[in-house]
Protein backbone atom coordinates (compact mmCIF):
# COMPACT_ATOMS: atom_id res chain seq x y z
CA MET A 1 151.94 -141.27 -47.73
CA CYS A 2 155.11 -142.96 -49.03
CA LEU A 3 156.78 -141.07 -51.87
CA GLY A 4 158.93 -142.91 -54.37
CA VAL A 5 161.54 -141.40 -56.61
CA PHE A 6 162.03 -141.95 -60.31
CA VAL A 7 165.29 -140.79 -61.79
CA VAL A 8 165.24 -139.64 -65.37
CA GLY A 9 167.95 -138.13 -67.53
CA LEU A 10 165.69 -135.79 -69.47
CA ARG A 11 166.30 -134.91 -73.11
CA VAL A 12 164.03 -133.32 -75.67
CA LEU A 13 162.90 -135.90 -78.23
CA SER A 14 161.08 -134.60 -81.33
CA GLY A 15 159.19 -131.56 -80.09
CA GLU A 16 157.49 -132.46 -76.83
CA SER A 17 160.02 -133.10 -74.09
CA SER A 18 160.28 -136.47 -72.40
CA LYS A 19 159.59 -134.64 -69.12
CA ASP A 20 156.25 -133.45 -70.47
CA ILE A 21 155.34 -136.92 -71.72
CA LEU A 22 156.30 -138.63 -68.45
CA GLU A 23 154.43 -136.06 -66.37
CA GLU A 24 151.23 -137.09 -68.19
CA PHE A 25 151.29 -140.26 -66.06
CA PRO A 26 149.16 -139.65 -62.95
CA GLY A 27 151.03 -138.60 -59.80
CA ILE A 28 154.45 -138.00 -61.36
CA LYS A 29 156.59 -134.91 -60.68
CA VAL A 30 160.03 -134.33 -62.23
CA ILE A 31 162.90 -132.75 -60.22
CA ASN A 32 166.49 -132.15 -61.41
CA VAL A 33 169.27 -133.27 -59.02
CA VAL A 34 173.00 -132.67 -59.39
CA GLU A 35 175.40 -134.59 -57.16
CA TYR A 36 179.17 -134.88 -57.04
CA ASP A 37 180.87 -138.26 -57.13
CA ASP A 38 184.02 -137.29 -55.22
CA ALA A 39 185.30 -140.88 -55.03
CA GLY A 40 185.13 -141.39 -58.82
CA GLU A 41 182.86 -144.44 -58.54
CA VAL A 42 180.93 -143.77 -61.75
CA PHE A 43 183.49 -142.44 -64.24
CA GLY A 44 186.78 -143.54 -62.64
CA ARG A 45 187.54 -140.02 -61.41
CA PRO A 46 185.62 -137.38 -59.45
CA ASP A 47 182.85 -135.84 -61.54
CA GLN A 48 179.37 -134.38 -61.43
CA ILE A 49 176.42 -136.76 -61.73
CA GLU A 50 173.18 -135.25 -63.00
CA LEU A 51 169.87 -137.02 -62.62
CA ASP A 52 166.27 -135.95 -63.02
CA LEU A 53 164.05 -137.33 -60.29
CA ILE A 54 160.46 -138.20 -60.96
CA ILE A 55 158.52 -138.51 -57.73
CA ARG A 56 155.65 -140.94 -57.40
CA ASP A 57 154.02 -142.75 -54.49
CA GLY A 58 155.96 -145.78 -53.24
CA LEU A 59 158.15 -146.60 -56.24
CA LEU A 60 161.70 -145.85 -57.41
CA ILE A 61 162.43 -146.06 -61.13
CA ILE A 62 165.79 -144.83 -62.38
CA CYS A 63 165.76 -143.87 -66.04
CA GLU A 64 168.17 -142.59 -68.71
CA ILE A 65 166.80 -140.77 -71.74
CA LYS A 66 169.21 -140.29 -74.65
CA SER A 67 168.92 -140.19 -78.42
CA SER A 68 171.21 -143.24 -78.67
CA MET A 69 172.73 -145.80 -76.30
CA SER A 70 175.83 -147.88 -76.94
CA LYS A 71 177.06 -150.83 -74.92
CA SER A 72 179.43 -148.57 -72.95
CA ASP A 73 176.60 -146.05 -72.33
CA MET A 74 174.53 -148.86 -70.84
CA TYR A 75 177.34 -149.85 -68.45
CA ALA A 76 177.88 -146.19 -67.46
CA PHE A 77 174.16 -145.78 -66.76
CA GLU A 78 174.20 -148.90 -64.58
CA ARG A 79 177.11 -147.42 -62.57
CA LYS A 80 175.13 -144.16 -62.13
CA VAL A 81 172.17 -146.19 -60.86
CA ARG A 82 174.33 -148.05 -58.31
CA PHE A 83 175.94 -144.75 -57.21
CA TYR A 84 172.51 -143.21 -56.59
CA GLU A 85 171.20 -146.31 -54.78
CA GLN A 86 174.24 -146.49 -52.50
CA ARG A 87 174.34 -142.77 -51.73
CA HIS A 88 170.63 -142.65 -50.89
CA ASN A 89 170.39 -146.15 -49.37
CA ARG A 90 167.46 -146.99 -51.62
CA GLU A 91 167.20 -149.71 -54.27
CA ALA A 92 165.44 -148.96 -57.55
CA SER A 93 162.23 -150.88 -58.22
CA ARG A 94 162.98 -150.74 -61.94
CA ILE A 95 165.71 -149.40 -64.22
CA LEU A 96 164.66 -147.91 -67.53
CA VAL A 97 166.28 -146.53 -70.71
CA ILE A 98 164.36 -144.49 -73.26
CA SER A 99 166.34 -144.20 -76.48
CA ALA A 100 165.42 -144.18 -80.16
CA MET A 101 168.66 -145.92 -81.14
CA VAL A 102 169.98 -148.81 -79.05
CA ASP A 103 172.37 -151.15 -80.82
CA ASP A 104 172.03 -154.92 -80.42
CA LYS A 105 175.06 -155.22 -78.13
CA ALA A 106 173.63 -152.50 -75.86
CA ARG A 107 170.26 -154.32 -75.77
CA ALA A 108 172.02 -157.52 -74.72
CA VAL A 109 173.81 -155.64 -71.92
CA ALA A 110 170.53 -154.02 -70.83
CA GLU A 111 168.84 -157.41 -70.66
CA SER A 112 171.69 -158.90 -68.61
CA LEU A 113 171.54 -155.93 -66.18
CA GLY A 114 167.74 -155.98 -65.88
CA ILE A 115 167.30 -152.64 -67.65
CA LEU A 116 164.01 -152.11 -69.49
CA VAL A 117 164.42 -150.43 -72.91
CA TYR A 118 161.83 -148.29 -74.73
CA SER A 119 162.26 -146.39 -78.01
CA TYR A 120 160.28 -143.29 -76.98
CA ALA A 121 158.78 -141.85 -73.78
CA HIS A 122 155.24 -142.15 -75.13
CA LYS A 123 155.79 -145.92 -75.56
CA VAL A 124 156.56 -146.49 -71.88
CA ASP A 125 154.06 -148.98 -70.50
CA SER A 126 152.11 -147.37 -67.63
CA ALA A 127 152.22 -150.76 -65.83
CA ILE A 128 155.85 -150.07 -64.85
CA PHE A 129 154.55 -147.28 -62.57
CA ALA A 130 152.28 -149.66 -60.64
């Protein structure tokens, strides 16, 4: 059986955690991963990169969950995605942001980078996991 990996920056949003909500989707398991970017590819200097992996059969979705996302946050997330893809030699099937507050400029950046944006974890369309 082929296992896929979903990467999720987990945050607690209004009571029930995003991890709990996402794990309600069939076949999903969440795992926290911490890696070190010693070349400074993501932030311009060496730093720790923390990602939460959600494992599901045959699919890789990389996701950031934050209370708000600015334009610069969106670019930083995209650099984290590329870092993960390069380090693990695996391209994401989809890239996803879950954030209650995404300004218009950040939405435009997300669209140009192919990042799907949802306001809350419970609004994520289950079709993205297919």
